[in-house]
Amino acid sequence: RPVTNAADLAGLKLRVMENEVYTATFKALNVNAVPMAWSE
């Protein structure tokens, strides 16, 4: 779906870089954050 504000991100399963701060950032946005290598 289109994301126009922070609430629109809630529940989305997104790949983030393998980095603790990035993971924390997206968890704060209620995202299902999945740390993963780019090739994967």
All heavy atoms as atom14 arrays in JSON, in Angstrom:
{
  "sequence": "RPVTNAADLAGLKLRVMENEVYTATFKALNVNAVPMAWSE",
  "atom14_mask": [
    [1, 1, 1, 1, 1, 1, 1, 1, 1, 1, 1, 0, 0, 0],
    [1, 1, 1, 1, 1, 1, 1, 0, 0, 0, 0, 0, 0, 0],
    [1, 1, 1, 1, 1, 1, 1, 0, 0, 0, 0, 0, 0, 0],
    [1, 1, 1, 1, 1, 1, 1, 0, 0, 0, 0, 0, 0, 0],
    [1, 1, 1, 1, 1, 1, 1, 1, 0, 0, 0, 0, 0, 0],
    [1, 1, 1, 1, 1, 0, 0, 0, 0, 0, 0, 0, 0, 0],
    [1, 1, 1, 1, 1, 0, 0, 0, 0, 0, 0, 0, 0, 0],
    [1, 1, 1, 1, 1, 1, 1, 1, 0, 0, 0, 0, 0, 0],
    [1, 1, 1, 1, 1, 1, 1, 1, 0, 0, 0, 0, 0, 0],
    [1, 1, 1, 1, 1, 0, 0, 0, 0, 0, 0, 0, 0, 0],
    [1, 1, 1, 1, 0, 0, 0, 0, 0, 0, 0, 0, 0, 0],
    [1, 1, 1, 1, 1, 1, 1, 1, 0, 0, 0, 0, 0, 0],
    [1, 1, 1, 1, 1, 1, 1, 1, 1, 0, 0, 0, 0, 0],
    [1, 1, 1, 1, 1, 1, 1, 1, 0, 0, 0, 0, 0, 0],
    [1, 1, 1, 1, 1, 1, 1, 1, 1, 1, 1, 0, 0, 0],
    [1, 1, 1, 1, 1, 1, 1, 0, 0, 0, 0, 0, 0, 0],
    [1, 1, 1, 1, 1, 1, 1, 1, 0, 0, 0, 0, 0, 0],
    [1, 1, 1, 1, 1, 1, 1, 1, 1, 0, 0, 0, 0, 0],
    [1, 1, 1, 1, 1, 1, 1, 1, 0, 0, 0, 0, 0, 0],
    [1, 1, 1, 1, 1, 1, 1, 1, 1, 0, 0, 0, 0, 0],
    [1, 1, 1, 1, 1, 1, 1, 0, 0, 0, 0, 0, 0, 0],
    [1, 1, 1, 1, 1, 1, 1, 1, 1, 1, 1, 1, 0, 0],
    [1, 1, 1, 1, 1, 1, 1, 0, 0, 0, 0, 0, 0, 0],
    [1, 1, 1, 1, 1, 0, 0, 0, 0, 0, 0, 0, 0, 0],
    [1, 1, 1, 1, 1, 1, 1, 0, 0, 0, 0, 0, 0, 0],
    [1, 1, 1, 1, 1, 1, 1, 1, 1, 1, 1, 0, 0, 0],
    [1, 1, 1, 1, 1, 1, 1, 1, 1, 0, 0, 0, 0, 0],
    [1, 1, 1, 1, 1, 0, 0, 0, 0, 0, 0, 0, 0, 0],
    [1, 1, 1, 1, 1, 1, 1, 1, 0, 0, 0, 0, 0, 0],
    [1, 1, 1, 1, 1, 1, 1, 1, 0, 0, 0, 0, 0, 0],
    [1, 1, 1, 1, 1, 1, 1, 0, 0, 0, 0, 0, 0, 0],
    [1, 1, 1, 1, 1, 1, 1, 1, 0, 0, 0, 0, 0, 0],
    [1, 1, 1, 1, 1, 0, 0, 0, 0, 0, 0, 0, 0, 0],
    [1, 1, 1, 1, 1, 1, 1, 0, 0, 0, 0, 0, 0, 0],
    [1, 1, 1, 1, 1, 1, 1, 0, 0, 0, 0, 0, 0, 0],
    [1, 1, 1, 1, 1, 1, 1, 1, 0, 0, 0, 0, 0, 0],
    [1, 1, 1, 1, 1, 0, 0, 0, 0, 0, 0, 0, 0, 0],
    [1, 1, 1, 1, 1, 1, 1, 1, 1, 1, 1, 1, 1, 1],
    [1, 1, 1, 1, 1, 1, 0, 0, 0, 0, 0, 0, 0, 0],
    [1, 1, 1, 1, 1, 1, 1, 1, 1, 0, 0, 0, 0, 0]
  ],
  "atom14_positions": [
    [[0.83, -1.21, 0.0], [0.0, 0.0, 0.0], [0.86, 1.26, 0.0], [2.03, 1.21, 0.4], [-0.91, 0.02, 1.24], [-0.15, -0.07, 2.57], [-1.08, -0.02, 3.78], [-0.35, -0.2, 5.03], [-0.22, -1.37, 5.64], [-0.76, -2.46, 5.11], [0.43, -1.46, 6.79], [0.0, 0.0, 0.0], [0.0, 0.0, 0.0], [0.0, 0.0, 0.0]],
    [[0.26, 2.39, -0.4], [0.99, 3.66, -0.29], [1.21, 3.99, 1.19], [0.34, 3.73, 2.03], [0.04, 4.68, -0.93], [-0.97, 3.88, -1.68], [-1.08, 2.56, -1.0], [0.0, 0.0, 0.0], [0.0, 0.0, 0.0], [0.0, 0.0, 0.0], [0.0, 0.0, 0.0], [0.0, 0.0, 0.0], [0.0, 0.0, 0.0], [0.0, 0.0, 0.0]],
    [[2.37, 4.54, 1.49], [2.69, 4.96, 2.86], [2.83, 6.48, 2.85], [3.76, 7.01, 2.25], [3.99, 4.29, 3.35], [4.42, 4.88, 4.69], [3.81, 2.78, 3.47], [0.0, 0.0, 0.0], [0.0, 0.0, 0.0], [0.0, 0.0, 0.0], [0.0, 0.0, 0.0], [0.0, 0.0, 0.0], [0.0, 0.0, 0.0], [0.0, 0.0, 0.0]],
    [[1.89, 7.14, 3.5], [1.93, 8.61, 3.53], [2.31, 9.15, 4.9], [2.64, 10.32, 5.04], [0.55, 9.19, 3.14], [-0.43, 8.74, 4.08], [0.15, 8.74, 1.73], [0.0, 0.0, 0.0], [0.0, 0.0, 0.0], [0.0, 0.0, 0.0], [0.0, 0.0, 0.0], [0.0, 0.0, 0.0], [0.0, 0.0, 0.0], [0.0, 0.0, 0.0]],
    [[2.25, 8.3, 5.93], [2.62, 8.7, 7.28], [3.12, 7.48, 8.04], [3.06, 6.35, 7.54], [1.45, 9.37, 8.01], [0.22, 8.47, 8.04], [0.29, 7.31, 8.42], [-0.93, 9.0, 7.63], [0.0, 0.0, 0.0], [0.0, 0.0, 0.0], [0.0, 0.0, 0.0], [0.0, 0.0, 0.0], [0.0, 0.0, 0.0], [0.0, 0.0, 0.0]],
    [[3.59, 7.71, 9.25], [4.18, 6.62, 10.04], [3.19, 5.49, 10.31], [3.56, 4.31, 10.29], [4.72, 7.17, 11.35], [0.0, 0.0, 0.0], [0.0, 0.0, 0.0], [0.0, 0.0, 0.0], [0.0, 0.0, 0.0], [0.0, 0.0, 0.0], [0.0, 0.0, 0.0], [0.0, 0.0, 0.0], [0.0, 0.0, 0.0], [0.0, 0.0, 0.0]],
    [[1.93, 5.83, 10.54], [0.92, 4.82, 10.86], [0.73, 3.82, 9.71], [0.42, 2.65, 9.95], [-0.4, 5.5, 11.2], [0.0, 0.0, 0.0], [0.0, 0.0, 0.0], [0.0, 0.0, 0.0], [0.0, 0.0, 0.0], [0.0, 0.0, 0.0], [0.0, 0.0, 0.0], [0.0, 0.0, 0.0], [0.0, 0.0, 0.0], [0.0, 0.0, 0.0]],
    [[0.94, 4.28, 8.48], [0.75, 3.4, 7.32], [1.77, 2.27, 7.26], [1.58, 1.29, 6.54], [0.83, 4.21, 6.02], [-0.34, 5.16, 5.84], [-1.41, 4.91, 6.41], [-0.16, 6.17, 5.12], [0.0, 0.0, 0.0], [0.0, 0.0, 0.0], [0.0, 0.0, 0.0], [0.0, 0.0, 0.0], [0.0, 0.0, 0.0], [0.0, 0.0, 0.0]],
    [[2.88, 2.42, 7.99], [3.92, 1.39, 7.97], [3.58, 0.21, 8.87], [4.16, -0.88, 8.71], [5.25, 1.98, 8.44], [6.05, 2.8, 7.44], [7.23, 3.47, 8.14], [6.55, 1.93, 6.29], [0.0, 0.0, 0.0], [0.0, 0.0, 0.0], [0.0, 0.0, 0.0], [0.0, 0.0, 0.0], [0.0, 0.0, 0.0], [0.0, 0.0, 0.0]],
    [[2.69, 0.4, 9.81], [2.42, -0.61, 10.84], [2.08, -1.97, 10.21], [1.22, -2.08, 9.34], [1.28, -0.15, 11.74], [0.0, 0.0, 0.0], [0.0, 0.0, 0.0], [0.0, 0.0, 0.0], [0.0, 0.0, 0.0], [0.0, 0.0, 0.0], [0.0, 0.0, 0.0], [0.0, 0.0, 0.0], [0.0, 0.0, 0.0], [0.0, 0.0, 0.0]],
    [[2.8, -2.99, 10.68], [2.53, -4.35, 10.25], [3.24, -4.8, 8.99], [3.24, -6.0, 8.69], [0.0, 0.0, 0.0], [0.0, 0.0, 0.0], [0.0, 0.0, 0.0], [0.0, 0.0, 0.0], [0.0, 0.0, 0.0], [0.0, 0.0, 0.0], [0.0, 0.0, 0.0], [0.0, 0.0, 0.0], [0.0, 0.0, 0.0], [0.0, 0.0, 0.0]],
    [[3.83, -3.88, 8.23], [4.54, -4.29, 7.02], [5.81, -5.07, 7.37], [6.5, -4.75, 8.34], [4.91, -3.07, 6.18], [3.77, -2.32, 5.5], [4.3, -1.09, 4.77], [3.03, -3.23, 4.52], [0.0, 0.0, 0.0], [0.0, 0.0, 0.0], [0.0, 0.0, 0.0], [0.0, 0.0, 0.0], [0.0, 0.0, 0.0], [0.0, 0.0, 0.0]],
    [[6.11, -6.07, 6.57], [7.31, -6.88, 6.78], [8.39, -6.39, 5.83], [8.34, -6.63, 4.62], [7.01, -8.35, 6.51], [8.14, -9.3, 6.92], [7.71, -10.76, 6.76], [8.78, -11.7, 7.26], [8.37, -13.12, 7.12], [0.0, 0.0, 0.0], [0.0, 0.0, 0.0], [0.0, 0.0, 0.0], [0.0, 0.0, 0.0], [0.0, 0.0, 0.0]],
    [[9.37, -5.65, 6.39], [10.38, -5.0, 5.58], [11.78, -5.48, 5.89], [12.13, -5.67, 7.06], [10.34, -3.47, 5.79], [9.02, -2.74, 5.57], [9.22, -1.24, 5.79], [8.47, -2.99, 4.17], [0.0, 0.0, 0.0], [0.0, 0.0, 0.0], [0.0, 0.0, 0.0], [0.0, 0.0, 0.0], [0.0, 0.0, 0.0], [0.0, 0.0, 0.0]],
    [[12.59, -5.64, 4.86], [13.99, -5.93, 5.05], [14.71, -4.66, 5.49], [14.49, -3.58, 4.96], [14.62, -6.43, 3.75], [16.14, -6.65, 3.82], [16.94, -5.45, 3.3], [18.39, -5.67, 3.43], [19.31, -4.81, 3.06], [18.96, -3.64, 2.55], [20.59, -5.08, 3.22], [0.0, 0.0, 0.0], [0.0, 0.0, 0.0], [0.0, 0.0, 0.0]],
    [[15.57, -4.78, 6.5], [16.43, -3.68, 6.91], [17.87, -4.18, 6.91], [18.12, -5.38, 6.92], [16.07, -3.11, 8.31], [14.66, -2.56, 8.32], [16.25, -4.18, 9.39], [0.0, 0.0, 0.0], [0.0, 0.0, 0.0], [0.0, 0.0, 0.0], [0.0, 0.0, 0.0], [0.0, 0.0, 0.0], [0.0, 0.0, 0.0], [0.0, 0.0, 0.0]],
    [[18.81, -3.26, 6.89], [20.22, -3.65, 6.95], [20.5, -4.37, 8.26], [19.81, -4.16, 9.26], [21.13, -2.43, 6.81], [21.21, -1.9, 5.41], [22.64, -0.81, 5.18], [22.17, 0.6, 6.17], [0.0, 0.0, 0.0], [0.0, 0.0, 0.0], [0.0, 0.0, 0.0], [0.0, 0.0, 0.0], [0.0, 0.0, 0.0], [0.0, 0.0, 0.0]],
    [[21.55, -5.18, 8.23], [21.93, -5.95, 9.42], [22.64, -5.02, 10.41], [23.85, -5.03, 10.55], [22.83, -7.11, 9.01], [22.13, -8.1, 8.1], [23.07, -9.1, 7.47], [23.86, -8.7, 6.61], [23.02, -10.29, 7.85], [0.0, 0.0, 0.0], [0.0, 0.0, 0.0], [0.0, 0.0, 0.0], [0.0, 0.0, 0.0], [0.0, 0.0, 0.0]],
    [[21.81, -4.25, 11.09], [22.3, -3.17, 11.95], [21.27, -2.92, 13.03], [20.08, -2.74, 12.76], [22.52, -1.94, 11.07], [22.85, -0.68, 11.84], [22.04, -0.19, 12.6], [24.03, -0.14, 11.61], [0.0, 0.0, 0.0], [0.0, 0.0, 0.0], [0.0, 0.0, 0.0], [0.0, 0.0, 0.0], [0.0, 0.0, 0.0], [0.0, 0.0, 0.0]],
    [[21.75, -2.88, 14.26], [20.86, -2.76, 15.42], [20.03, -1.48, 15.41], [18.84, -1.48, 15.75], [21.72, -2.82, 16.69], [20.95, -2.89, 17.98], [21.88, -2.92, 19.18], [22.85, -3.71, 19.17], [21.64, -2.13, 20.11], [0.0, 0.0, 0.0], [0.0, 0.0, 0.0], [0.0, 0.0, 0.0], [0.0, 0.0, 0.0], [0.0, 0.0, 0.0]],
    [[20.64, -0.35, 15.01], [19.93, 0.93, 15.02], [18.82, 0.93, 13.98], [17.7, 1.41, 14.25], [20.9, 2.11, 14.79], [20.13, 3.42, 14.67], [21.91, 2.19, 15.93], [0.0, 0.0, 0.0], [0.0, 0.0, 0.0], [0.0, 0.0, 0.0], [0.0, 0.0, 0.0], [0.0, 0.0, 0.0], [0.0, 0.0, 0.0], [0.0, 0.0, 0.0]],
    [[19.09, 0.39, 12.8], [18.05, 0.32, 11.77], [16.89, -0.55, 12.23], [15.72, -0.22, 12.02], [18.63, -0.23, 10.46], [19.27, 0.83, 9.61], [20.62, 1.13, 9.74], [18.53, 1.56, 8.68], [21.22, 2.11, 8.97], [19.12, 2.54, 7.9], [20.47, 2.81, 8.06], [21.05, 3.79, 7.3], [0.0, 0.0, 0.0], [0.0, 0.0, 0.0]],
    [[17.22, -1.67, 12.84], [16.17, -2.56, 13.34], [15.33, -1.85, 14.39], [14.1, -1.9, 14.36], [16.79, -3.84, 13.92], [17.6, -4.46, 12.93], [15.71, -4.82, 14.36], [0.0, 0.0, 0.0], [0.0, 0.0, 0.0], [0.0, 0.0, 0.0], [0.0, 0.0, 0.0], [0.0, 0.0, 0.0], [0.0, 0.0, 0.0], [0.0, 0.0, 0.0]],
    [[15.99, -1.15, 15.32], [15.27, -0.42, 16.37], [14.39, 0.68, 15.78], [13.26, 0.9, 16.24], [16.27, 0.18, 17.36], [0.0, 0.0, 0.0], [0.0, 0.0, 0.0], [0.0, 0.0, 0.0], [0.0, 0.0, 0.0], [0.0, 0.0, 0.0], [0.0, 0.0, 0.0], [0.0, 0.0, 0.0], [0.0, 0.0, 0.0], [0.0, 0.0, 0.0]],
    [[14.9, 1.36, 14.76], [14.14, 2.43, 14.11], [12.83, 1.9, 13.54], [11.76, 2.48, 13.75], [14.98, 3.09, 13.0], [16.12, 3.73, 13.59], [14.16, 4.11, 12.22], [0.0, 0.0, 0.0], [0.0, 0.0, 0.0], [0.0, 0.0, 0.0], [0.0, 0.0, 0.0], [0.0, 0.0, 0.0], [0.0, 0.0, 0.0], [0.0, 0.0, 0.0]],
    [[12.9, 0.79, 12.83], [11.69, 0.28, 12.19], [10.76, -0.43, 13.16], [9.54, -0.44, 12.96], [12.06, -0.57, 10.97], [12.37, 0.29, 9.79], [13.65, 0.75, 9.57], [11.36, 0.72, 8.94], [13.94, 1.6, 8.51], [11.62, 1.57, 7.88], [12.91, 2.0, 7.67], [0.0, 0.0, 0.0], [0.0, 0.0, 0.0], [0.0, 0.0, 0.0]],
    [[11.32, -0.97, 14.22], [10.44, -1.52, 15.26], [9.66, -0.4, 15.94], [8.5, -0.56, 16.31], [11.25, -2.32, 16.28], [11.67, -3.69, 15.73], [12.36, -4.55, 16.78], [12.65, -5.93, 16.23], [13.37, -6.78, 17.22], [0.0, 0.0, 0.0], [0.0, 0.0, 0.0], [0.0, 0.0, 0.0], [0.0, 0.0, 0.0], [0.0, 0.0, 0.0]],
    [[10.3, 0.78, 16.09], [9.61, 1.94, 16.66], [8.47, 2.4, 15.76], [7.5, 3.01, 16.22], [10.59, 3.09, 16.88], [0.0, 0.0, 0.0], [0.0, 0.0, 0.0], [0.0, 0.0, 0.0], [0.0, 0.0, 0.0], [0.0, 0.0, 0.0], [0.0, 0.0, 0.0], [0.0, 0.0, 0.0], [0.0, 0.0, 0.0], [0.0, 0.0, 0.0]],
    [[8.57, 2.08, 14.48], [7.52, 2.42, 13.51], [6.51, 1.28, 13.36], [5.69, 1.29, 12.44], [8.16, 2.73, 12.15], [8.96, 4.04, 12.09], [9.92, 4.04, 10.92], [8.02, 5.23, 12.04], [0.0, 0.0, 0.0], [0.0, 0.0, 0.0], [0.0, 0.0, 0.0], [0.0, 0.0, 0.0], [0.0, 0.0, 0.0], [0.0, 0.0, 0.0]],
    [[6.6, 0.29, 14.26], [5.68, -0.87, 14.27], [5.78, -1.72, 13.01], [4.81, -2.35, 12.58], [4.23, -0.42, 14.49], [4.03, 0.2, 15.86], [4.47, -0.36, 16.87], [3.39, 1.36, 15.91], [0.0, 0.0, 0.0], [0.0, 0.0, 0.0], [0.0, 0.0, 0.0], [0.0, 0.0, 0.0], [0.0, 0.0, 0.0], [0.0, 0.0, 0.0]],
    [[6.96, -1.73, 12.43], [7.24, -2.57, 11.27], [7.74, -3.92, 11.74], [8.44, -4.02, 12.76], [8.3, -1.89, 10.37], [8.89, -2.85, 9.36], [7.68, -0.68, 9.67], [0.0, 0.0, 0.0], [0.0, 0.0, 0.0], [0.0, 0.0, 0.0], [0.0, 0.0, 0.0], [0.0, 0.0, 0.0], [0.0, 0.0, 0.0], [0.0, 0.0, 0.0]],
    [[7.43, -4.97, 10.99], [8.04, -6.27, 11.22], [9.39, -6.23, 10.51], [9.51, -6.54, 9.33], [7.15, -7.37, 10.64], [7.72, -8.77, 10.87], [8.82, -8.93, 11.41], [6.99, -9.78, 10.44], [0.0, 0.0, 0.0], [0.0, 0.0, 0.0], [0.0, 0.0, 0.0], [0.0, 0.0, 0.0], [0.0, 0.0, 0.0], [0.0, 0.0, 0.0]],
    [[10.42, -5.77, 11.23], [11.73, -5.52, 10.63], [12.54, -6.82, 10.56], [12.72, -7.51, 11.57], [12.48, -4.48, 11.45], [0.0, 0.0, 0.0], [0.0, 0.0, 0.0], [0.0, 0.0, 0.0], [0.0, 0.0, 0.0], [0.0, 0.0, 0.0], [0.0, 0.0, 0.0], [0.0, 0.0, 0.0], [0.0, 0.0, 0.0], [0.0, 0.0, 0.0]],
    [[13.03, -7.12, 9.37], [13.8, -8.35, 9.15], [15.22, -7.99, 8.7], [15.43, -7.61, 7.55], [13.14, -9.24, 8.08], [13.9, -10.55, 7.93], [11.68, -9.49, 8.4], [0.0, 0.0, 0.0], [0.0, 0.0, 0.0], [0.0, 0.0, 0.0], [0.0, 0.0, 0.0], [0.0, 0.0, 0.0], [0.0, 0.0, 0.0], [0.0, 0.0, 0.0]],
    [[16.22, -8.06, 9.6], [17.61, -7.8, 9.18], [18.06, -8.87, 8.2], [17.89, -10.07, 8.45], [18.4, -7.88, 10.49], [17.37, -7.78, 11.58], [16.12, -8.37, 11.03], [0.0, 0.0, 0.0], [0.0, 0.0, 0.0], [0.0, 0.0, 0.0], [0.0, 0.0, 0.0], [0.0, 0.0, 0.0], [0.0, 0.0, 0.0], [0.0, 0.0, 0.0]],
    [[18.61, -8.44, 7.07], [18.91, -9.41, 6.01], [19.95, -8.83, 5.06], [19.94, -7.63, 4.76], [17.61, -9.7, 5.24], [17.69, -10.75, 4.17], [16.09, -10.9, 3.28], [15.02, -11.52, 4.58], [0.0, 0.0, 0.0], [0.0, 0.0, 0.0], [0.0, 0.0, 0.0], [0.0, 0.0, 0.0], [0.0, 0.0, 0.0], [0.0, 0.0, 0.0]],
    [[20.84, -9.68, 4.57], [21.8, -9.26, 3.55], [21.07, -8.88, 2.28], [20.02, -9.46, 1.96], [22.8, -10.37, 3.27], [0.0, 0.0, 0.0], [0.0, 0.0, 0.0], [0.0, 0.0, 0.0], [0.0, 0.0, 0.0], [0.0, 0.0, 0.0], [0.0, 0.0, 0.0], [0.0, 0.0, 0.0], [0.0, 0.0, 0.0], [0.0, 0.0, 0.0]],
    [[21.62, -7.91, 1.55], [20.93, -7.41, 0.35], [20.72, -8.51, -0.69], [19.67, -8.6, -1.33], [21.72, -6.25, -0.25], [21.09, -5.69, -1.49], [21.64, -5.59, -2.72], [19.77, -5.13, -1.61], [20.76, -5.01, -3.61], [19.6, -4.72, -2.94], [18.72, -4.95, -0.71], [18.43, -4.13, -3.42], [17.54, -4.36, -1.17], [17.41, -3.97, -2.51]],
    [[21.7, -9.36, -0.88], [21.57, -10.44, -1.86], [20.4, -11.35, -1.55], [19.71, -11.84, -2.45], [22.87, -11.25, -1.93], [23.2, -11.75, -0.64], [0.0, 0.0, 0.0], [0.0, 0.0, 0.0], [0.0, 0.0, 0.0], [0.0, 0.0, 0.0], [0.0, 0.0, 0.0], [0.0, 0.0, 0.0], [0.0, 0.0, 0.0], [0.0, 0.0, 0.0]],
    [[20.14, -11.57, -0.28], [19.01, -12.4, 0.14], [17.69, -11.66, 0.0], [16.64, -12.25, -0.25], [19.2, -12.86, 1.59], [20.42, -13.74, 1.8], [20.69, -13.98, 3.29], [19.8, -13.68, 4.11], [21.79, -14.43, 3.62], [0.0, 0.0, 0.0], [0.0, 0.0, 0.0], [0.0, 0.0, 0.0], [0.0, 0.0, 0.0], [0.0, 0.0, 0.0]]
  ]
}
